[in-house]
Structures are given as structure tokens and as C-alpha cells.
Amino acid sequence: MSADSNYSEIEILRLIAEGDEQAFTVLYNRYWNKVYTYLLRMTKSHEIAEELLYDIFTKLWTGRELITEIQHMDAFLSKVAYNKAISFFRYTASQRKMQQLVAQQMEHARVDDAADKLLDNEARELLQEAIRQLSPQRKLVFTLSREQGLTHEQIARQLNLSTQTVKKTMSNALSTIREFLHKRGMEGAVLLYFYMESKK
């Protein structure tokens, strides 16, 4: 598809899930400026805002198999961007030279309330429980894909499997996790969200 495509967002997300890089470029062009502006407003730094923006969209691409489950991309990216900025503040707070500046910025940033934190912790625990219940092969393929960022082709070479087998194994793993989360009242997009939020 062309970079200036007028495809609906649902169609664009479907194409991204299938690995269409041009469709991802279309999505990026639609949202990067809003996300960047928000990050810049919070961090007051062009360099930091650009780094966080890059990290957000890189992880969105890495987790593309689940992208079609995001019903409200605008709200999803806003929440991820907010948490990325807060994580940056918390990290730099450990650096003495940054403590005073960070404290000032944190005063103007909205802090998650206790209910949100409890919900996030519960979701992370459920996700880890779902992963633990996968079969050994599914867990290995899932871990190589999600935690190490390997492509299906790289996983196939590493495990001496066919690419088709890796794709099927990954699809089955995601289906199992979705079903596990759904039975506990959580959406499948939670999986993508928390992997975007991991390893900050």
C-alpha cells in the first residue's frame, strides 16, 4: 500500500499484523506528531521525546500480531506515552544531578492513582501466569519473539524449525493467552500493552 493510503484504520491494522511495513508507516505518520508533542510537553526535551517516541513505535511493530485488538489507537498510544514519560522521570530521579529537575516536572505530571496501579499489577501477574501455562515449545517461541525481539525467521533458524511451524506455534501461544485473559475479564490487547511497557 502507498504511504498516503486512505485505507481505514481497521484495514491498516490488519495489514500491519500481517507484516506490511508500508501500512505501519501510514499508522506512524498519523500519530507520531501527537505522541511526540505530548512527550515533549512532559519531558521538556526534544532528544528525550524523540527517544521515547522511537521506543514506543518500535515495540508496537514488534508486537504487531496483536495490534488488531487495539480498539482505540489514540487512547492506547496516549496511555503508553504517559507511562513512558513517567518511567523516564523515575529513572532519572536516581541520578543526583537530575533530581531537582525531575521533582519539578513530576509536580506537573499526572500520577497514576492507587486503583490504576493495582489494576496494572493484577494484569501483569495474570499475563505471567498465562505465559507459565504454555507448553514448553510455545513458551520458548513466545519468549524469543516477545522478550528477545527475534523474527519468525530468526527463531526458526535458532530452533531448527520451519518458519511456518514457528508462525503456527506463535499463533497458538497467542490464542491460548488471549483465552486465558478473556476468561478473567481482560482484553487481548493487554498482552501487547504490557510488553510495550516492559524493559523500560
N, C-alpha and C. Protein backbone atom coordinates (compact mmCIF):
# COMPACT_ATOMS: atom_id res chain seq x y z
N MET A 1 0.85 -1.20 0.00
CA MET A 1 0.00 0.00 0.00
C MET A 1 0.88 1.24 0.00
N SER A 2 0.37 2.34 -0.48
CA SER A 2 1.15 3.57 -0.57
C SER A 2 1.13 4.29 0.77
N ALA A 3 2.17 5.13 0.98
CA ALA A 3 2.32 5.84 2.24
C ALA A 3 1.19 6.83 2.47
N ASP A 4 0.51 7.27 1.41
CA ASP A 4 -0.58 8.25 1.56
C ASP A 4 -1.94 7.56 1.43
N SER A 5 -1.97 6.26 1.75
CA SER A 5 -3.19 5.47 1.60
C SER A 5 -4.32 6.02 2.44
N ASN A 6 -5.55 5.90 1.90
CA ASN A 6 -6.74 6.31 2.63
C ASN A 6 -7.47 5.11 3.21
N TYR A 7 -6.77 4.01 3.40
CA TYR A 7 -7.37 2.82 3.98
C TYR A 7 -7.92 3.15 5.37
N SER A 8 -8.96 2.43 5.77
CA SER A 8 -9.49 2.62 7.11
C SER A 8 -8.46 2.11 8.11
N GLU A 9 -8.58 2.58 9.34
CA GLU A 9 -7.61 2.17 10.35
C GLU A 9 -7.70 0.67 10.62
N ILE A 10 -8.89 0.12 10.58
CA ILE A 10 -9.06 -1.33 10.79
C ILE A 10 -8.27 -2.11 9.75
N GLU A 11 -8.35 -1.67 8.49
CA GLU A 11 -7.62 -2.33 7.41
C GLU A 11 -6.12 -2.14 7.57
N ILE A 12 -5.71 -0.96 8.00
CA ILE A 12 -4.30 -0.69 8.20
C ILE A 12 -3.73 -1.59 9.30
N LEU A 13 -4.48 -1.73 10.39
CA LEU A 13 -4.02 -2.59 11.49
C LEU A 13 -3.93 -4.05 11.05
N ARG A 14 -4.89 -4.46 10.22
CA ARG A 14 -4.85 -5.84 9.72
C ARG A 14 -3.59 -6.06 8.88
N LEU A 15 -3.27 -5.11 8.03
CA LEU A 15 -2.08 -5.22 7.19
C LEU A 15 -0.79 -5.21 8.02
N ILE A 16 -0.78 -4.38 9.06
CA ILE A 16 0.39 -4.34 9.94
C ILE A 16 0.59 -5.69 10.62
N ALA A 17 -0.51 -6.28 11.09
CA ALA A 17 -0.44 -7.58 11.76
C ALA A 17 0.14 -8.64 10.84
N GLU A 18 -0.03 -8.44 9.53
CA GLU A 18 0.49 -9.38 8.54
C GLU A 18 1.93 -9.04 8.14
N GLY A 19 2.47 -7.96 8.71
CA GLY A 19 3.87 -7.62 8.44
C GLY A 19 4.08 -6.56 7.37
N ASP A 20 3.03 -5.81 7.02
CA ASP A 20 3.13 -4.79 5.98
C ASP A 20 3.80 -3.53 6.55
N GLU A 21 5.04 -3.28 6.15
CA GLU A 21 5.79 -2.14 6.68
C GLU A 21 5.24 -0.81 6.19
N GLN A 22 4.71 -0.77 4.96
CA GLN A 22 4.14 0.48 4.45
C GLN A 22 2.89 0.85 5.23
N ALA A 23 2.10 -0.14 5.62
CA ALA A 23 0.92 0.14 6.44
C ALA A 23 1.34 0.70 7.79
N PHE A 24 2.43 0.18 8.33
CA PHE A 24 2.93 0.69 9.60
C PHE A 24 3.39 2.14 9.45
N THR A 25 3.98 2.46 8.30
CA THR A 25 4.41 3.83 8.03
C THR A 25 3.21 4.77 8.01
N VAL A 26 2.10 4.31 7.43
CA VAL A 26 0.88 5.10 7.41
C VAL A 26 0.40 5.38 8.83
N LEU A 27 0.39 4.33 9.66
CA LEU A 27 -0.04 4.50 11.06
C LEU A 27 0.89 5.46 11.80
N TYR A 28 2.18 5.29 11.58
CA TYR A 28 3.17 6.15 12.23
C TYR A 28 2.93 7.61 11.84
N ASN A 29 2.72 7.85 10.55
CA ASN A 29 2.50 9.21 10.08
C ASN A 29 1.24 9.84 10.66
N ARG A 30 0.27 9.01 10.98
CA ARG A 30 -0.99 9.51 11.54
C ARG A 30 -0.82 9.96 12.99
N TYR A 31 0.05 9.28 13.73
CA TYR A 31 0.07 9.51 15.17
C TYR A 31 1.37 10.06 15.75
N TRP A 32 2.47 10.02 14.99
CA TRP A 32 3.75 10.36 15.59
C TRP A 32 3.77 11.78 16.15
N ASN A 33 3.18 12.73 15.42
CA ASN A 33 3.26 14.12 15.85
C ASN A 33 2.53 14.36 17.18
N LYS A 34 1.36 13.74 17.32
CA LYS A 34 0.60 13.91 18.55
C LYS A 34 1.33 13.29 19.73
N VAL A 35 1.87 12.08 19.52
CA VAL A 35 2.60 11.40 20.59
C VAL A 35 3.87 12.17 20.94
N TYR A 36 4.58 12.64 19.92
CA TYR A 36 5.82 13.40 20.15
C TYR A 36 5.53 14.69 20.91
N THR A 37 4.48 15.41 20.50
CA THR A 37 4.13 16.67 21.15
C THR A 37 3.80 16.44 22.62
N TYR A 38 3.07 15.36 22.90
CA TYR A 38 2.72 15.03 24.28
C TYR A 38 3.97 14.72 25.10
N LEU A 39 4.87 13.91 24.54
CA LEU A 39 6.11 13.56 25.24
C LEU A 39 6.99 14.79 25.46
N LEU A 40 7.03 15.66 24.47
CA LEU A 40 7.83 16.88 24.60
C LEU A 40 7.28 17.77 25.70
N ARG A 41 5.96 17.85 25.79
CA ARG A 41 5.33 18.67 26.82
C ARG A 41 5.66 18.14 28.22
N MET A 42 5.76 16.84 28.33
CA MET A 42 6.05 16.25 29.65
C MET A 42 7.53 16.28 29.99
N THR A 43 8.39 15.99 29.03
CA THR A 43 9.82 15.86 29.31
C THR A 43 10.60 17.15 29.12
N LYS A 44 10.05 18.09 28.34
CA LYS A 44 10.72 19.36 28.05
C LYS A 44 12.05 19.15 27.32
N SER A 45 12.18 18.04 26.62
CA SER A 45 13.42 17.75 25.91
C SER A 45 13.10 17.12 24.56
N HIS A 46 13.60 17.72 23.48
CA HIS A 46 13.39 17.17 22.14
C HIS A 46 14.05 15.80 22.02
N GLU A 47 15.28 15.67 22.54
CA GLU A 47 16.02 14.42 22.42
C GLU A 47 15.32 13.28 23.15
N ILE A 48 14.86 13.55 24.36
CA ILE A 48 14.20 12.52 25.15
C ILE A 48 12.86 12.14 24.52
N ALA A 49 12.12 13.15 24.06
CA ALA A 49 10.83 12.88 23.41
C ALA A 49 11.02 12.02 22.17
N GLU A 50 12.06 12.30 21.39
CA GLU A 50 12.33 11.51 20.19
C GLU A 50 12.71 10.07 20.55
N GLU A 51 13.51 9.90 21.60
CA GLU A 51 13.93 8.55 22.01
C GLU A 51 12.73 7.73 22.49
N LEU A 52 11.87 8.35 23.29
CA LEU A 52 10.69 7.64 23.79
C LEU A 52 9.72 7.33 22.66
N LEU A 53 9.58 8.25 21.73
CA LEU A 53 8.72 8.04 20.57
C LEU A 53 9.20 6.83 19.76
N TYR A 54 10.50 6.78 19.52
CA TYR A 54 11.08 5.67 18.77
C TYR A 54 10.82 4.35 19.48
N ASP A 55 11.00 4.34 20.79
CA ASP A 55 10.82 3.11 21.57
C ASP A 55 9.37 2.63 21.51
N ILE A 56 8.43 3.56 21.60
CA ILE A 56 7.01 3.20 21.56
C ILE A 56 6.65 2.53 20.24
N PHE A 57 7.04 3.14 19.13
CA PHE A 57 6.65 2.58 17.83
C PHE A 57 7.46 1.34 17.48
N THR A 58 8.68 1.23 17.98
CA THR A 58 9.45 0.01 17.76
C THR A 58 8.77 -1.17 18.43
N LYS A 59 8.31 -0.99 19.66
CA LYS A 59 7.64 -2.07 20.38
C LYS A 59 6.26 -2.35 19.80
N LEU A 60 5.63 -1.31 19.25
CA LEU A 60 4.33 -1.53 18.61
C LEU A 60 4.51 -2.44 17.39
N TRP A 61 5.58 -2.23 16.64
CA TRP A 61 5.87 -3.08 15.48
C TRP A 61 6.25 -4.49 15.92
N THR A 62 7.04 -4.60 16.98
CA THR A 62 7.46 -5.91 17.47
C THR A 62 6.24 -6.74 17.89
N GLY A 63 5.25 -6.08 18.46
CA GLY A 63 4.05 -6.79 18.90
C GLY A 63 2.89 -6.72 17.93
N ARG A 64 3.22 -6.60 16.65
CA ARG A 64 2.21 -6.34 15.63
C ARG A 64 1.15 -7.42 15.49
N GLU A 65 1.47 -8.67 15.89
CA GLU A 65 0.46 -9.73 15.74
C GLU A 65 -0.81 -9.44 16.52
N LEU A 66 -0.69 -8.60 17.58
CA LEU A 66 -1.83 -8.30 18.44
C LEU A 66 -2.41 -6.91 18.18
N ILE A 67 -1.91 -6.21 17.21
CA ILE A 67 -2.29 -4.82 17.03
C ILE A 67 -3.75 -4.65 16.65
N THR A 68 -4.34 -5.65 16.02
CA THR A 68 -5.75 -5.53 15.60
C THR A 68 -6.70 -5.54 16.80
N GLU A 69 -6.19 -5.91 17.97
CA GLU A 69 -7.04 -5.94 19.15
C GLU A 69 -7.13 -4.59 19.85
N ILE A 70 -6.38 -3.62 19.37
CA ILE A 70 -6.46 -2.27 19.93
C ILE A 70 -7.64 -1.55 19.29
N GLN A 71 -8.66 -1.28 20.07
CA GLN A 71 -9.87 -0.67 19.53
C GLN A 71 -9.77 0.85 19.41
N HIS A 72 -8.99 1.46 20.28
CA HIS A 72 -8.86 2.92 20.27
C HIS A 72 -7.37 3.26 20.29
N MET A 73 -6.76 3.33 19.11
CA MET A 73 -5.32 3.54 19.00
C MET A 73 -4.88 4.85 19.64
N ASP A 74 -5.67 5.90 19.47
CA ASP A 74 -5.32 7.20 20.03
C ASP A 74 -5.17 7.12 21.55
N ALA A 75 -6.17 6.54 22.21
CA ALA A 75 -6.14 6.41 23.66
C ALA A 75 -5.03 5.46 24.10
N PHE A 76 -4.82 4.39 23.35
CA PHE A 76 -3.79 3.41 23.66
C PHE A 76 -2.41 4.06 23.65
N LEU A 77 -2.11 4.81 22.60
CA LEU A 77 -0.81 5.45 22.48
C LEU A 77 -0.62 6.54 23.54
N SER A 78 -1.71 7.22 23.89
CA SER A 78 -1.62 8.26 24.92
C SER A 78 -1.23 7.64 26.26
N LYS A 79 -1.82 6.50 26.61
CA LYS A 79 -1.51 5.84 27.87
C LYS A 79 -0.07 5.34 27.87
N VAL A 80 0.35 4.74 26.75
CA VAL A 80 1.73 4.25 26.67
C VAL A 80 2.71 5.41 26.77
N ALA A 81 2.44 6.51 26.07
CA ALA A 81 3.32 7.67 26.11
C ALA A 81 3.42 8.25 27.51
N TYR A 82 2.29 8.33 28.19
CA TYR A 82 2.29 8.84 29.57
C TYR A 82 3.18 7.97 30.46
N ASN A 83 3.01 6.67 30.38
CA ASN A 83 3.78 5.77 31.23
C ASN A 83 5.27 5.77 30.87
N LYS A 84 5.57 5.94 29.58
CA LYS A 84 6.97 6.04 29.17
C LYS A 84 7.61 7.28 29.80
N ALA A 85 6.90 8.40 29.79
CA ALA A 85 7.43 9.63 30.36
C ALA A 85 7.62 9.50 31.87
N ILE A 86 6.64 8.90 32.54
CA ILE A 86 6.74 8.71 33.98
C ILE A 86 7.91 7.79 34.32
N SER A 87 8.11 6.75 33.51
CA SER A 87 9.23 5.84 33.74
C SER A 87 10.56 6.57 33.58
N PHE A 88 10.60 7.49 32.60
CA PHE A 88 11.81 8.29 32.41
C PHE A 88 12.09 9.13 33.65
N PHE A 89 11.04 9.76 34.18
CA PHE A 89 11.21 10.59 35.38
C PHE A 89 11.73 9.76 36.55
N ARG A 90 11.17 8.57 36.72
CA ARG A 90 11.57 7.72 37.84
C ARG A 90 13.03 7.27 37.71
N TYR A 91 13.43 6.99 36.46
CA TYR A 91 14.80 6.56 36.24
C TYR A 91 15.79 7.70 36.51
N THR A 92 15.51 8.84 35.93
CA THR A 92 16.43 9.96 36.08
C THR A 92 16.44 10.50 37.51
N ALA A 93 15.38 10.20 38.27
CA ALA A 93 15.34 10.65 39.66
C ALA A 93 16.47 10.01 40.47
N SER A 94 16.98 8.88 39.98
CA SER A 94 18.07 8.21 40.70
C SER A 94 19.42 8.86 40.40
N GLN A 95 19.43 9.74 39.44
CA GLN A 95 20.66 10.45 39.11
C GLN A 95 20.68 11.80 39.85
N ARG A 96 21.66 12.01 40.68
CA ARG A 96 21.67 13.19 41.56
C ARG A 96 21.48 14.51 40.83
N LYS A 97 22.16 14.65 39.71
CA LYS A 97 22.11 15.92 39.00
C LYS A 97 20.73 16.21 38.43
N MET A 98 19.92 15.15 38.27
CA MET A 98 18.61 15.31 37.66
C MET A 98 17.49 15.40 38.68
N GLN A 99 17.77 15.13 39.94
CA GLN A 99 16.72 15.03 40.94
C GLN A 99 15.86 16.29 41.06
N GLN A 100 16.49 17.44 41.10
CA GLN A 100 15.73 18.68 41.27
C GLN A 100 14.84 18.95 40.06
N LEU A 101 15.39 18.77 38.86
CA LEU A 101 14.61 18.99 37.65
C LEU A 101 13.45 18.01 37.56
N VAL A 102 13.72 16.75 37.87
CA VAL A 102 12.68 15.74 37.81
C VAL A 102 11.57 16.03 38.81
N ALA A 103 11.94 16.46 39.99
CA ALA A 103 10.94 16.77 41.01
C ALA A 103 10.00 17.87 40.51
N GLN A 104 10.56 18.86 39.84
CA GLN A 104 9.73 19.94 39.31
C GLN A 104 8.80 19.44 38.22
N GLN A 105 9.32 18.59 37.35
CA GLN A 105 8.49 18.05 36.28
C GLN A 105 7.38 17.15 36.82
N MET A 106 7.72 16.37 37.84
CA MET A 106 6.74 15.44 38.40
C MET A 106 5.57 16.19 39.04
N GLU A 107 5.82 17.38 39.50
CA GLU A 107 4.74 18.17 40.10
C GLU A 107 3.67 18.50 39.08
N HIS A 108 4.07 18.59 37.82
CA HIS A 108 3.14 18.97 36.76
C HIS A 108 2.60 17.76 36.00
N ALA A 109 3.12 16.61 36.30
CA ALA A 109 2.67 15.39 35.61
C ALA A 109 1.62 14.66 36.44
N ARG A 110 0.61 14.16 35.79
CA ARG A 110 -0.43 13.40 36.49
C ARG A 110 0.16 12.06 36.92
N VAL A 111 -0.05 11.70 38.18
CA VAL A 111 0.49 10.46 38.71
C VAL A 111 -0.62 9.42 38.77
N ASP A 112 -0.30 8.19 38.40
CA ASP A 112 -1.30 7.12 38.46
C ASP A 112 -1.90 7.03 39.85
N ASP A 113 -3.21 6.86 39.94
CA ASP A 113 -3.82 6.68 41.25
C ASP A 113 -3.68 5.22 41.68
N ALA A 114 -4.02 4.95 42.94
CA ALA A 114 -3.81 3.62 43.51
C ALA A 114 -4.57 2.54 42.77
N ALA A 115 -5.78 2.85 42.32
CA ALA A 115 -6.59 1.86 41.61
C ALA A 115 -5.93 1.45 40.30
N ASP A 116 -5.38 2.41 39.58
CA ASP A 116 -4.70 2.11 38.32
C ASP A 116 -3.49 1.21 38.56
N LYS A 117 -2.75 1.50 39.63
CA LYS A 117 -1.56 0.71 39.93
C LYS A 117 -1.94 -0.73 40.27
N LEU A 118 -3.00 -0.87 41.07
CA LEU A 118 -3.46 -2.21 41.42
C LEU A 118 -3.89 -2.97 40.19
N LEU A 119 -4.59 -2.28 39.28
CA LEU A 119 -5.04 -2.92 38.05
C LEU A 119 -3.87 -3.35 37.19
N ASP A 120 -2.87 -2.47 37.07
CA ASP A 120 -1.69 -2.80 36.28
C ASP A 120 -0.97 -4.01 36.87
N ASN A 121 -0.80 -4.04 38.20
CA ASN A 121 -0.12 -5.16 38.83
C ASN A 121 -0.88 -6.47 38.61
N GLU A 122 -2.19 -6.39 38.73
CA GLU A 122 -3.02 -7.58 38.53
C GLU A 122 -2.89 -8.09 37.10
N ALA A 123 -2.89 -7.16 36.15
CA ALA A 123 -2.79 -7.53 34.74
C ALA A 123 -1.44 -8.19 34.45
N ARG A 124 -0.38 -7.64 35.00
CA ARG A 124 0.95 -8.21 34.78
C ARG A 124 1.03 -9.63 35.37
N GLU A 125 0.47 -9.80 36.54
CA GLU A 125 0.51 -11.12 37.18
C GLU A 125 -0.28 -12.14 36.36
N LEU A 126 -1.45 -11.72 35.85
CA LEU A 126 -2.26 -12.62 35.03
C LEU A 126 -1.53 -12.99 33.75
N LEU A 127 -0.88 -12.00 33.15
CA LEU A 127 -0.14 -12.25 31.92
C LEU A 127 0.98 -13.26 32.16
N GLN A 128 1.74 -13.08 33.24
CA GLN A 128 2.83 -14.00 33.54
C GLN A 128 2.29 -15.40 33.84
N GLU A 129 1.14 -15.46 34.50
CA GLU A 129 0.53 -16.76 34.79
C GLU A 129 0.12 -17.46 33.49
N ALA A 130 -0.43 -16.67 32.56
CA ALA A 130 -0.83 -17.23 31.27
C ALA A 130 0.38 -17.78 30.52
N ILE A 131 1.49 -17.06 30.56
CA ILE A 131 2.71 -17.50 29.87
C ILE A 131 3.25 -18.77 30.50
N ARG A 132 3.21 -18.84 31.82
CA ARG A 132 3.72 -20.03 32.52
C ARG A 132 2.94 -21.29 32.14
N GLN A 133 1.68 -21.14 31.76
CA GLN A 133 0.85 -22.29 31.45
C GLN A 133 1.02 -22.78 30.01
N LEU A 134 1.80 -22.08 29.22
CA LEU A 134 2.05 -22.53 27.85
C LEU A 134 2.90 -23.79 27.85
N SER A 135 2.78 -24.57 26.78
CA SER A 135 3.63 -25.74 26.62
C SER A 135 5.08 -25.27 26.46
N PRO A 136 6.07 -26.11 26.73
CA PRO A 136 7.48 -25.70 26.64
C PRO A 136 7.84 -25.07 25.29
N GLN A 137 7.40 -25.67 24.18
CA GLN A 137 7.75 -25.12 22.86
C GLN A 137 7.09 -23.77 22.63
N ARG A 138 5.81 -23.67 22.98
CA ARG A 138 5.11 -22.40 22.79
C ARG A 138 5.73 -21.30 23.66
N LYS A 139 6.08 -21.67 24.88
CA LYS A 139 6.68 -20.69 25.79
C LYS A 139 8.03 -20.22 25.24
N LEU A 140 8.82 -21.14 24.70
CA LEU A 140 10.13 -20.79 24.16
C LEU A 140 9.99 -19.87 22.96
N VAL A 141 9.11 -20.22 22.02
CA VAL A 141 8.91 -19.39 20.83
C VAL A 141 8.38 -18.02 21.23
N PHE A 142 7.43 -17.99 22.15
CA PHE A 142 6.85 -16.72 22.60
C PHE A 142 7.93 -15.84 23.25
N THR A 143 8.77 -16.45 24.09
CA THR A 143 9.81 -15.70 24.78
C THR A 143 10.84 -15.14 23.80
N LEU A 144 11.25 -15.95 22.83
CA LEU A 144 12.22 -15.48 21.84
C LEU A 144 11.65 -14.33 21.01
N SER A 145 10.34 -14.40 20.73
CA SER A 145 9.71 -13.36 19.93
C SER A 145 9.48 -12.09 20.73
N ARG A 146 8.88 -12.24 21.92
CA ARG A 146 8.46 -11.07 22.68
C ARG A 146 9.56 -10.45 23.53
N GLU A 147 10.38 -11.29 24.16
CA GLU A 147 11.37 -10.75 25.08
C GLU A 147 12.72 -10.49 24.42
N GLN A 148 13.03 -11.26 23.37
CA GLN A 148 14.31 -11.05 22.68
C GLN A 148 14.13 -10.35 21.34
N GLY A 149 12.87 -10.20 20.89
CA GLY A 149 12.59 -9.45 19.67
C GLY A 149 13.00 -10.13 18.38
N LEU A 150 13.14 -11.46 18.40
CA LEU A 150 13.55 -12.17 17.19
C LEU A 150 12.38 -12.30 16.22
N THR A 151 12.69 -12.31 14.93
CA THR A 151 11.67 -12.52 13.91
C THR A 151 11.35 -14.01 13.83
N HIS A 152 10.27 -14.34 13.12
CA HIS A 152 9.92 -15.75 12.95
C HIS A 152 11.04 -16.51 12.24
N GLU A 153 11.67 -15.86 11.28
CA GLU A 153 12.74 -16.50 10.53
C GLU A 153 13.96 -16.77 11.43
N GLN A 154 14.29 -15.81 12.29
CA GLN A 154 15.42 -15.98 13.19
C GLN A 154 15.15 -17.09 14.21
N ILE A 155 13.92 -17.16 14.70
CA ILE A 155 13.55 -18.21 15.65
C ILE A 155 13.63 -19.58 14.98
N ALA A 156 13.16 -19.64 13.74
CA ALA A 156 13.18 -20.91 13.00
C ALA A 156 14.61 -21.41 12.85
N ARG A 157 15.53 -20.52 12.52
CA ARG A 157 16.93 -20.92 12.37
C ARG A 157 17.52 -21.36 13.70
N GLN A 158 17.20 -20.63 14.75
CA GLN A 158 17.77 -20.94 16.06
C GLN A 158 17.27 -22.27 16.61
N LEU A 159 15.99 -22.58 16.35
CA LEU A 159 15.40 -23.80 16.89
C LEU A 159 15.37 -24.95 15.88
N ASN A 160 15.91 -24.69 14.68
CA ASN A 160 15.93 -25.70 13.62
C ASN A 160 14.50 -26.16 13.28
N LEU A 161 13.62 -25.19 13.13
CA LEU A 161 12.23 -25.45 12.76
C LEU A 161 11.92 -24.71 11.46
N SER A 162 10.82 -25.07 10.83
CA SER A 162 10.40 -24.31 9.65
C SER A 162 9.75 -23.02 10.11
N THR A 163 9.82 -21.99 9.25
CA THR A 163 9.20 -20.71 9.58
C THR A 163 7.69 -20.88 9.79
N GLN A 164 7.07 -21.75 8.99
CA GLN A 164 5.64 -21.99 9.13
C GLN A 164 5.31 -22.59 10.49
N THR A 165 6.17 -23.48 10.97
CA THR A 165 5.95 -24.08 12.29
C THR A 165 6.04 -23.03 13.39
N VAL A 166 7.01 -22.13 13.25
CA VAL A 166 7.17 -21.05 14.23
C VAL A 166 5.94 -20.15 14.23
N LYS A 167 5.46 -19.79 13.03
CA LYS A 167 4.28 -18.93 12.93
C LYS A 167 3.07 -19.59 13.58
N LYS A 168 2.90 -20.88 13.31
CA LYS A 168 1.75 -21.60 13.87
C LYS A 168 1.88 -21.71 15.39
N THR A 169 3.09 -21.98 15.86
CA THR A 169 3.31 -22.10 17.30
C THR A 169 3.03 -20.77 18.00
N MET A 170 3.50 -19.67 17.38
CA MET A 170 3.27 -18.34 17.96
C MET A 170 1.79 -18.01 17.97
N SER A 171 1.11 -18.35 16.88
CA SER A 171 -0.32 -18.09 16.80
C SER A 171 -1.08 -18.86 17.86
N ASN A 172 -0.70 -20.11 18.08
CA ASN A 172 -1.35 -20.93 19.10
C ASN A 172 -1.07 -20.39 20.50
N ALA A 173 0.16 -19.92 20.72
CA ALA A 173 0.51 -19.35 22.02
C ALA A 173 -0.33 -18.11 22.31
N LEU A 174 -0.44 -17.24 21.31
CA LEU A 174 -1.23 -16.02 21.49
C LEU A 174 -2.70 -16.35 21.73
N SER A 175 -3.21 -17.33 21.03
CA SER A 175 -4.61 -17.73 21.20
C SER A 175 -4.85 -18.25 22.62
N THR A 176 -3.91 -19.04 23.11
CA THR A 176 -4.03 -19.58 24.46
C THR A 176 -4.02 -18.47 25.51
N ILE A 177 -3.11 -17.50 25.31
CA ILE A 177 -3.01 -16.40 26.26
C ILE A 177 -4.26 -15.52 26.19
N ARG A 178 -4.73 -15.24 24.96
CA ARG A 178 -5.95 -14.45 24.81
C ARG A 178 -7.11 -15.10 25.55
N GLU A 179 -7.26 -16.41 25.37
CA GLU A 179 -8.36 -17.13 26.00
C GLU A 179 -8.23 -17.07 27.52
N PHE A 180 -7.01 -17.22 28.01
CA PHE A 180 -6.76 -17.16 29.45
C PHE A 180 -7.16 -15.80 30.00
N LEU A 181 -6.74 -14.72 29.31
CA LEU A 181 -7.06 -13.37 29.77
C LEU A 181 -8.55 -13.07 29.65
N HIS A 182 -9.14 -13.53 28.56
CA HIS A 182 -10.56 -13.28 28.33
C HIS A 182 -11.41 -13.90 29.44
N LYS A 183 -11.07 -15.11 29.86
CA LYS A 183 -11.82 -15.79 30.91
C LYS A 183 -11.73 -15.03 32.23
N ARG A 184 -10.72 -14.19 32.35
CA ARG A 184 -10.54 -13.42 33.58
C ARG A 184 -10.89 -11.95 33.39
N GLY A 185 -11.65 -11.70 32.31
CA GLY A 185 -12.20 -10.36 32.09
C GLY A 185 -11.23 -9.34 31.55
N MET A 186 -10.17 -9.80 30.86
CA MET A 186 -9.19 -8.86 30.32
C MET A 186 -9.12 -9.01 28.81
N GLU A 187 -8.86 -7.89 28.13
CA GLU A 187 -8.77 -7.91 26.68
C GLU A 187 -7.41 -8.39 26.22
N GLY A 188 -7.37 -8.97 25.02
CA GLY A 188 -6.12 -9.46 24.47
C GLY A 188 -5.09 -8.36 24.25
N ALA A 189 -5.56 -7.13 24.04
CA ALA A 189 -4.62 -6.02 23.82
C ALA A 189 -3.77 -5.74 25.05
N VAL A 190 -4.21 -6.24 26.22
CA VAL A 190 -3.41 -6.09 27.43
C VAL A 190 -2.04 -6.71 27.23
N LEU A 191 -2.00 -7.82 26.51
CA LEU A 191 -0.74 -8.51 26.23
C LEU A 191 0.23 -7.59 25.51
N LEU A 192 -0.23 -6.95 24.45
CA LEU A 192 0.63 -6.04 23.69
C LEU A 192 1.05 -4.85 24.55
N TYR A 193 0.10 -4.31 25.31
CA TYR A 193 0.39 -3.12 26.12
C TYR A 193 1.51 -3.38 27.12
N PHE A 194 1.41 -4.50 27.85
CA PHE A 194 2.41 -4.74 28.88
C PHE A 194 3.76 -5.13 28.31
N TYR A 195 3.78 -5.68 27.11
CA TYR A 195 5.08 -5.94 26.50
C TYR A 195 5.70 -4.67 25.96
N MET A 196 4.86 -3.70 25.61
CA MET A 196 5.39 -2.39 25.23
C MET A 196 5.94 -1.66 26.45
N GLU A 197 5.34 -1.96 27.61
CA GLU A 197 5.76 -1.28 28.83
C GLU A 197 6.92 -1.98 29.53
N SER A 198 7.27 -3.18 29.09
CA SER A 198 8.33 -3.93 29.76
C SER A 198 9.71 -3.45 29.32
N LYS A 199 10.70 -3.71 30.16
CA LYS A 199 12.10 -3.37 29.87
C LYS A 199 12.26 -1.91 29.51
N LYS A 200 11.69 -1.02 30.32
CA LYS A 200 11.80 0.40 30.03
C LYS A 200 13.20 0.91 30.36
